Amino acid sequence: MSSIAGQLAALKRIAEFSARLRGHELGEWHTGEGFAQASCIRCRAELRVYHSVIQPEMDGTALESLCSKGDVERAA
């Protein structure tokens, strides 16, 4: 696994966990050169992760708001 692919895989796991805490259920990931994106299958909120040499990033409405159609999981 290349460094970029490994970093994206780790970022996707972190992003999925963060989105799930907000009640989102992500659909299939679509990967491009240096990034990956997915959307909540319930409310269509988007989530993107980016590879960066300096600092990897993630953003999107799935990280900024609760799912309007999902149940929020309680962090234990």
PDB file of N, CA and C in Angstrom:
ATOM      1  N   MET A   1       0.849  -1.180   0.000  1.00  0.00           N
ATOM      2  CA  MET A   1       0.000   0.000   0.000  1.00  0.00           C
ATOM      3  C   MET A   1       0.891   1.238   0.000  1.00  0.00           C
ATOM      4  N   SER A   2       0.615   2.165  -0.886  1.00  0.00           N
ATOM      5  CA  SER A   2       1.437   3.372  -0.960  1.00  0.00           C
ATOM      6  C   SER A   2       1.152   4.276   0.230  1.00  0.00           C
ATOM      7  N   SER A   3       2.019   5.207   0.445  1.00  0.00           N
ATOM      8  CA  SER A   3       1.875   6.149   1.546  1.00  0.00           C
ATOM      9  C   SER A   3       0.575   6.945   1.421  1.00  0.00           C
ATOM     10  N   ILE A   4       0.268   7.401   0.218  1.00  0.00           N
ATOM     11  CA  ILE A   4      -0.956   8.181  -0.008  1.00  0.00           C
ATOM     12  C   ILE A   4      -2.187   7.314   0.242  1.00  0.00           C
ATOM     13  N   ALA A   5      -2.199   6.102  -0.302  1.00  0.00           N
ATOM     14  CA  ALA A   5      -3.344   5.206  -0.122  1.00  0.00           C
ATOM     15  C   ALA A   5      -3.526   4.853   1.349  1.00  0.00           C
ATOM     16  N   GLY A   6      -2.452   4.617   2.055  1.00  0.00           N
ATOM     17  CA  GLY A   6      -2.527   4.304   3.481  1.00  0.00           C
ATOM     18  C   GLY A   6      -3.060   5.460   4.295  1.00  0.00           C
ATOM     19  N   GLN A   7      -2.598   6.653   3.956  1.00  0.00           N
ATOM     20  CA  GLN A   7      -3.059   7.840   4.670  1.00  0.00           C
ATOM     21  C   GLN A   7      -4.540   8.092   4.395  1.00  0.00           C
ATOM     22  N   LEU A   8      -4.960   7.926   3.146  1.00  0.00           N
ATOM     23  CA  LEU A   8      -6.376   8.099   2.826  1.00  0.00           C
ATOM     24  C   LEU A   8      -7.235   7.060   3.540  1.00  0.00           C
ATOM     25  N   ALA A   9      -6.775   5.817   3.603  1.00  0.00           N
ATOM     26  CA  ALA A   9      -7.530   4.767   4.294  1.00  0.00           C
ATOM     27  C   ALA A   9      -7.709   5.115   5.777  1.00  0.00           C
ATOM     28  N   ALA A  10      -6.654   5.609   6.409  1.00  0.00           N
ATOM     29  CA  ALA A  10      -6.744   5.992   7.820  1.00  0.00           C
ATOM     30  C   ALA A  10      -7.684   7.180   8.000  1.00  0.00           C
ATOM     31  N   LEU A  11      -7.582   8.167   7.128  1.00  0.00           N
ATOM     32  CA  LEU A  11      -8.464   9.331   7.196  1.00  0.00           C
ATOM     33  C   LEU A  11      -9.928   8.939   6.992  1.00  0.00           C
ATOM     34  N   LYS A  12     -10.179   8.007   6.088  1.00  0.00           N
ATOM     35  CA  LYS A  12     -11.548   7.552   5.845  1.00  0.00           C
ATOM     36  C   LYS A  12     -12.131   6.900   7.094  1.00  0.00           C
ATOM     37  N   ARG A  13     -11.339   6.104   7.794  1.00  0.00           N
ATOM     38  CA  ARG A  13     -11.830   5.467   9.029  1.00  0.00           C
ATOM     39  C   ARG A  13     -12.164   6.520  10.087  1.00  0.00           C
ATOM     40  N   ILE A  14     -11.301   7.515  10.230  1.00  0.00           N
ATOM     41  CA  ILE A  14     -11.544   8.582  11.205  1.00  0.00           C
ATOM     42  C   ILE A  14     -12.784   9.378  10.812  1.00  0.00           C
ATOM     43  N   ALA A  15     -12.902   9.697   9.534  1.00  0.00           N
ATOM     44  CA  ALA A  15     -14.043  10.467   9.039  1.00  0.00           C
ATOM     45  C   ALA A  15     -15.351   9.697   9.217  1.00  0.00           C
ATOM     46  N   GLU A  16     -15.326   8.393   8.924  1.00  0.00           N
ATOM     47  CA  GLU A  16     -16.532   7.571   9.096  1.00  0.00           C
ATOM     48  C   GLU A  16     -16.982   7.572  10.553  1.00  0.00           C
ATOM     49  N   PHE A  17     -16.037   7.428  11.476  1.00  0.00           N
ATOM     50  CA  PHE A  17     -16.358   7.448  12.896  1.00  0.00           C
ATOM     51  C   PHE A  17     -16.969   8.798  13.282  1.00  0.00           C
ATOM     52  N   SER A  18     -16.356   9.880  12.842  1.00  0.00           N
ATOM     53  CA  SER A  18     -16.844  11.218  13.170  1.00  0.00           C
ATOM     54  C   SER A  18     -18.241  11.458  12.600  1.00  0.00           C
ATOM     55  N   ALA A  19     -18.469  11.027  11.372  1.00  0.00           N
ATOM     56  CA  ALA A  19     -19.783  11.195  10.753  1.00  0.00           C
ATOM     57  C   ALA A  19     -20.833  10.348  11.469  1.00  0.00           C
ATOM     58  N   ARG A  20     -20.465   9.139  11.854  1.00  0.00           N
ATOM     59  CA  ARG A  20     -21.394   8.244  12.552  1.00  0.00           C
ATOM     60  C   ARG A  20     -21.826   8.846  13.892  1.00  0.00           C
ATOM     61  N   LEU A  21     -20.916   9.538  14.581  1.00  0.00           N
ATOM     62  CA  LEU A  21     -21.265  10.207  15.841  1.00  0.00           C
ATOM     63  C   LEU A  21     -22.329  11.278  15.638  1.00  0.00           C
ATOM     64  N   ARG A  22     -22.428  11.789  14.423  1.00  0.00           N
ATOM     65  CA  ARG A  22     -23.412  12.817  14.103  1.00  0.00           C
ATOM     66  C   ARG A  22     -24.661  12.213  13.445  1.00  0.00           C
ATOM     67  N   GLY A  23     -24.749  10.877  13.446  1.00  0.00           N
ATOM     68  CA  GLY A  23     -25.926  10.192  12.934  1.00  0.00           C
ATOM     69  C   GLY A  23     -25.896   9.850  11.462  1.00  0.00           C
ATOM     70  N   HIS A  24     -24.804  10.141  10.771  1.00  0.00           N
ATOM     71  CA  HIS A  24     -24.706   9.882   9.332  1.00  0.00           C
ATOM     72  C   HIS A  24     -24.323   8.434   9.048  1.00  0.00           C
ATOM     73  N   GLU A  25     -24.823   7.918   7.959  1.00  0.00           N
ATOM     74  CA  GLU A  25     -24.430   6.600   7.472  1.00  0.00           C
ATOM     75  C   GLU A  25     -23.870   6.799   6.065  1.00  0.00           C
ATOM     76  N   LEU A  26     -22.565   6.687   5.949  1.00  0.00           N
ATOM     77  CA  LEU A  26     -21.915   6.984   4.677  1.00  0.00           C
ATOM     78  C   LEU A  26     -22.109   5.858   3.672  1.00  0.00           C
ATOM     79  N   GLY A  27     -22.289   6.252   2.433  1.00  0.00           N
ATOM     80  CA  GLY A  27     -22.380   5.298   1.337  1.00  0.00           C
ATOM     81  C   GLY A  27     -20.992   4.980   0.806  1.00  0.00           C
ATOM     82  N   GLU A  28     -20.943   4.596  -0.432  1.00  0.00           N
ATOM     83  CA  GLU A  28     -19.683   4.192  -1.071  1.00  0.00           C
ATOM     84  C   GLU A  28     -18.722   5.374  -1.201  1.00  0.00           C
ATOM     85  N   TRP A  29     -17.453   5.087  -0.942  1.00  0.00           N
ATOM     86  CA  TRP A  29     -16.407   6.088  -1.113  1.00  0.00           C
ATOM     87  C   TRP A  29     -15.997   6.138  -2.579  1.00  0.00           C
ATOM     88  N   HIS A  30     -15.746   7.351  -3.063  1.00  0.00           N
ATOM     89  CA  HIS A  30     -15.226   7.569  -4.416  1.00  0.00           C
ATOM     90  C   HIS A  30     -13.859   8.221  -4.252  1.00  0.00           C
ATOM     91  N   THR A  31     -12.849   7.612  -4.845  1.00  0.00           N
ATOM     92  CA  THR A  31     -11.477   8.059  -4.651  1.00  0.00           C
ATOM     93  C   THR A  31     -10.925   8.667  -5.932  1.00  0.00           C
ATOM     94  N   GLY A  32     -10.246   9.796  -5.773  1.00  0.00           N
ATOM     95  CA  GLY A  32      -9.550  10.444  -6.874  1.00  0.00           C
ATOM     96  C   GLY A  32      -8.082  10.529  -6.520  1.00  0.00           C
ATOM     97  N   GLU A  33      -7.362  11.338  -7.232  1.00  0.00           N
ATOM     98  CA  GLU A  33      -5.933  11.480  -6.977  1.00  0.00           C
ATOM     99  C   GLU A  33      -5.707  12.359  -5.745  1.00  0.00           C
ATOM    100  N   GLY A  34      -5.397  11.724  -4.624  1.00  0.00           N
ATOM    101  CA  GLY A  34      -5.116  12.452  -3.397  1.00  0.00           C
ATOM    102  C   GLY A  34      -6.333  12.803  -2.560  1.00  0.00           C
ATOM    103  N   PHE A  35      -7.513  12.299  -2.907  1.00  0.00           N
ATOM    104  CA  PHE A  35      -8.690  12.587  -2.101  1.00  0.00           C
ATOM    105  C   PHE A  35      -9.690  11.438  -2.202  1.00  0.00           C
ATOM    106  N   ALA A  36     -10.650  11.439  -1.281  1.00  0.00           N
ATOM    107  CA  ALA A  36     -11.761  10.490  -1.315  1.00  0.00           C
ATOM    108  C   ALA A  36     -12.984  11.226  -0.791  1.00  0.00           C
ATOM    109  N   GLN A  37     -14.168  10.843  -1.276  1.00  0.00           N
ATOM    110  CA  GLN A  37     -15.387  11.491  -0.807  1.00  0.00           C
ATOM    111  C   GLN A  37     -16.524  10.485  -0.724  1.00  0.00           C
ATOM    112  N   ALA A  38     -17.439  10.764   0.187  1.00  0.00           N
ATOM    113  CA  ALA A  38     -18.617   9.928   0.376  1.00  0.00           C
ATOM    114  C   ALA A  38     -19.753  10.834   0.827  1.00  0.00           C
ATOM    115  N   SER A  39     -20.982  10.314   0.742  1.00  0.00           N
ATOM    116  CA  SER A  39     -22.160  11.053   1.183  1.00  0.00           C
ATOM    117  C   SER A  39     -23.000  10.184   2.089  1.00  0.00           C
ATOM    118  N   CYS A  40     -23.721  10.827   2.982  1.00  0.00           N
ATOM    119  CA  CYS A  40     -24.656  10.122   3.852  1.00  0.00           C
ATOM    120  C   CYS A  40     -25.792   9.581   2.990  1.00  0.00           C
ATOM    121  N   ILE A  41     -26.136   8.319   3.179  1.00  0.00           N
ATOM    122  CA  ILE A  41     -27.193   7.728   2.360  1.00  0.00           C
ATOM    123  C   ILE A  41     -28.577   8.199   2.796  1.00  0.00           C
ATOM    124  N   ARG A  42     -28.668   8.828   3.954  1.00  0.00           N
ATOM    125  CA  ARG A  42     -29.962   9.321   4.445  1.00  0.00           C
ATOM    126  C   ARG A  42     -30.221  10.774   4.039  1.00  0.00           C
ATOM    127  N   CYS A  43     -29.267  11.651   4.338  1.00  0.00           N
ATOM    128  CA  CYS A  43     -29.505  13.090   4.128  1.00  0.00           C
ATOM    129  C   CYS A  43     -28.615  13.696   3.043  1.00  0.00           C
ATOM    130  N   ARG A  44     -27.721  12.891   2.474  1.00  0.00           N
ATOM    131  CA  ARG A  44     -26.830  13.301   1.384  1.00  0.00           C
ATOM    132  C   ARG A  44     -25.741  14.298   1.797  1.00  0.00           C
ATOM    133  N   ALA A  45     -25.500  14.457   3.107  1.00  0.00           N
ATOM    134  CA  ALA A  45     -24.400  15.319   3.551  1.00  0.00           C
ATOM    135  C   ALA A  45     -23.087  14.729   3.045  1.00  0.00           C
ATOM    136  N   GLU A  46     -22.202  15.586   2.583  1.00  0.00           N
ATOM    137  CA  GLU A  46     -20.949  15.134   1.979  1.00  0.00           C
ATOM    138  C   GLU A  46     -19.796  15.158   2.972  1.00  0.00           C
ATOM    139  N   LEU A  47     -18.808  14.342   2.673  1.00  0.00           N
ATOM    140  CA  LEU A  47     -17.604  14.242   3.476  1.00  0.00           C
ATOM    141  C   LEU A  47     -16.433  13.995   2.536  1.00  0.00           C
ATOM    142  N   ARG A  48     -15.351  14.762   2.704  1.00  0.00           N
ATOM    143  CA  ARG A  48     -14.159  14.611   1.872  1.00  0.00           C
ATOM    144  C   ARG A  48     -12.925  14.511   2.752  1.00  0.00           C
ATOM    145  N   VAL A  49     -11.990  13.686   2.325  1.00  0.00           N
ATOM    146  CA  VAL A  49     -10.679  13.610   2.978  1.00  0.00           C
ATOM    147  C   VAL A  49      -9.630  13.870   1.901  1.00  0.00           C
ATOM    148  N   TYR A  50      -8.550  14.535   2.304  1.00  0.00           N
ATOM    149  CA  TYR A  50      -7.500  14.932   1.365  1.00  0.00           C
ATOM    150  C   TYR A  50      -6.139  14.503   1.885  1.00  0.00           C
ATOM    151  N   HIS A  51      -5.319  13.997   0.997  1.00  0.00           N
ATOM    152  CA  HIS A  51      -3.919  13.726   1.328  1.00  0.00           C
ATOM    153  C   HIS A  51      -3.149  15.021   1.164  1.00  0.00           C
ATOM    154  N   SER A  52      -2.277  15.290   2.088  1.00  0.00           N
ATOM    155  CA  SER A  52      -1.414  16.457   2.006  1.00  0.00           C
ATOM    156  C   SER A  52      -0.084  16.108   2.651  1.00  0.00           C
ATOM    157  N   VAL A  53       0.990  16.535   2.035  1.00  0.00           N
ATOM    158  CA  VAL A  53       2.313  16.289   2.591  1.00  0.00           C
ATOM    159  C   VAL A  53       2.463  17.014   3.924  1.00  0.00           C
ATOM    160  N   ILE A  54       1.908  18.199   4.005  1.00  0.00           N
ATOM    161  CA  ILE A  54       2.041  19.007   5.217  1.00  0.00           C
ATOM    162  C   ILE A  54       1.044  18.571   6.291  1.00  0.00           C
ATOM    163  N   GLN A  55      -0.246  18.535   5.940  1.00  0.00           N
ATOM    164  CA  GLN A  55      -1.268  18.176   6.915  1.00  0.00           C
ATOM    165  C   GLN A  55      -2.485  17.599   6.206  1.00  0.00           C
ATOM    166  N   PRO A  56      -2.817  16.337   6.465  1.00  0.00           N
ATOM    167  CA  PRO A  56      -4.017  15.753   5.875  1.00  0.00           C
ATOM    168  C   PRO A  56      -5.253  16.501   6.385  1.00  0.00           C
ATOM    169  N   GLU A  57      -6.287  16.541   5.568  1.00  0.00           N
ATOM    170  CA  GLU A  57      -7.482  17.289   5.946  1.00  0.00           C
ATOM    171  C   GLU A  57      -8.737  16.502   5.647  1.00  0.00           C
ATOM    172  N   MET A  58      -9.830  16.883   6.313  1.00  0.00           N
ATOM    173  CA  MET A  58     -11.155  16.366   6.004  1.00  0.00           C
ATOM    174  C   MET A  58     -12.140  17.496   6.228  1.00  0.00           C
ATOM    175  N   ASP A  59     -13.204  17.499   5.424  1.00  0.00           N
ATOM    176  CA  ASP A  59     -14.228  18.521   5.586  1.00  0.00           C
ATOM    177  C   ASP A  59     -15.545  18.022   5.009  1.00  0.00           C
ATOM    178  N   GLY A  60     -16.550  18.836   5.151  1.00  0.00           N
ATOM    179  CA  GLY A  60     -17.852  18.515   4.589  1.00  0.00           C
ATOM    180  C   GLY A  60     -18.969  18.662   5.603  1.00  0.00           C
ATOM    181  N   THR A  61     -20.182  18.750   5.101  1.00  0.00           N
ATOM    182  CA  THR A  61     -21.338  18.962   5.959  1.00  0.00           C
ATOM    183  C   THR A  61     -21.602  17.781   6.889  1.00  0.00           C
ATOM    184  N   ALA A  62     -21.137  16.589   6.548  1.00  0.00           N
ATOM    185  CA  ALA A  62     -21.326  15.431   7.424  1.00  0.00           C
ATOM    186  C   ALA A  62     -20.515  15.564   8.712  1.00  0.00           C
ATOM    187  N   LEU A  63     -19.510  16.429   8.711  1.00  0.00           N
ATOM    188  CA  LEU A  63     -18.726  16.677   9.920  1.00  0.00           C
ATOM    189  C   LEU A  63     -19.210  17.913  10.666  1.00  0.00           C
ATOM    190  N   GLU A  64     -20.017  18.718  10.002  1.00  0.00           N
ATOM    191  CA  GLU A  64     -20.433  19.991  10.577  1.00  0.00           C
ATOM    192  C   GLU A  64     -21.815  19.962  11.208  1.00  0.00           C
ATOM    193  N   SER A  65     -22.637  18.983  10.859  1.00  0.00           N
ATOM    194  CA  SER A  65     -24.008  18.988  11.356  1.00  0.00           C
ATOM    195  C   SER A  65     -24.517  17.572  11.599  1.00  0.00           C
ATOM    196  N   LEU A  66     -25.572  17.482  12.401  1.00  0.00           N
ATOM    197  CA  LEU A  66     -26.217  16.208  12.657  1.00  0.00           C
ATOM    198  C   LEU A  66     -27.025  15.780  11.443  1.00  0.00           C
ATOM    199  N   CYS A  67     -27.167  14.476  11.263  1.00  0.00           N
ATOM    200  CA  CYS A  67     -27.982  13.957  10.170  1.00  0.00           C
ATOM    201  C   CYS A  67     -29.436  14.299  10.462  1.00  0.00           C
ATOM    202  N   SER A  68     -30.085  14.877   9.490  1.00  0.00           N
ATOM    203  CA  SER A  68     -31.485  15.263   9.680  1.00  0.00           C
ATOM    204  C   SER A  68     -32.417  14.067   9.670  1.00  0.00           C
ATOM    205  N   LYS A  69     -31.927  12.907   9.258  1.00  0.00           N
ATOM    206  CA  LYS A  69     -32.775  11.715   9.161  1.00  0.00           C
ATOM    207  C   LYS A  69     -32.221  10.524   9.913  1.00  0.00           C
ATOM    208  N   GLY A  70     -31.189  10.720  10.726  1.00  0.00           N
ATOM    209  CA  GLY A  70     -30.561   9.588  11.406  1.00  0.00           C
ATOM    210  C   GLY A  70     -30.599   9.728  12.908  1.00  0.00           C
ATOM    211  N   ASP A  71     -30.174   8.682  13.579  1.00  0.00           N
ATOM    212  CA  ASP A  71     -30.056   8.676  15.032  1.00  0.00           C
ATOM    213  C   ASP A  71     -28.606   8.929  15.396  1.00  0.00           C
ATOM    214  N   VAL A  72     -28.387   9.819  16.340  1.00  0.00           N
ATOM    215  CA  VAL A  72     -27.028  10.130  16.777  1.00  0.00           C
ATOM    216  C   VAL A  72     -26.601   9.066  17.782  1.00  0.00           C
ATOM    217  N   GLU A  73     -25.435   8.466  17.538  1.00  0.00           N
ATOM    218  CA  GLU A  73     -24.892   7.478  18.470  1.00  0.00           C
ATOM    219  C   GLU A  73     -24.312   8.206  19.684  1.00  0.00           C
ATOM    220  N   ARG A  74     -24.428   7.596  20.807  1.00  0.00           N
ATOM    221  CA  ARG A  74     -23.859   8.155  22.031  1.00  0.00           C
ATOM    222  C   ARG A  74     -22.420   7.661  22.171  1.00  0.00           C
ATOM    223  N   ALA A  75     -21.515   8.606  22.399  1.00  0.00           N
ATOM    224  CA  ALA A  75     -20.114   8.222  22.623  1.00  0.00           C
ATOM    225  C   ALA A  75     -20.002   7.624  24.009  1.00  0.00           C
ATOM    226  N   ALA A  76     -19.337   6.478  24.081  1.00  0.00           N
ATOM    227  CA  ALA A  76     -19.219   5.797  25.379  1.00  0.00           C
ATOM    228  C   ALA A  76     -17.938   6.184  26.071  1.00  0.00           C
TER     229      ALA A  76
END
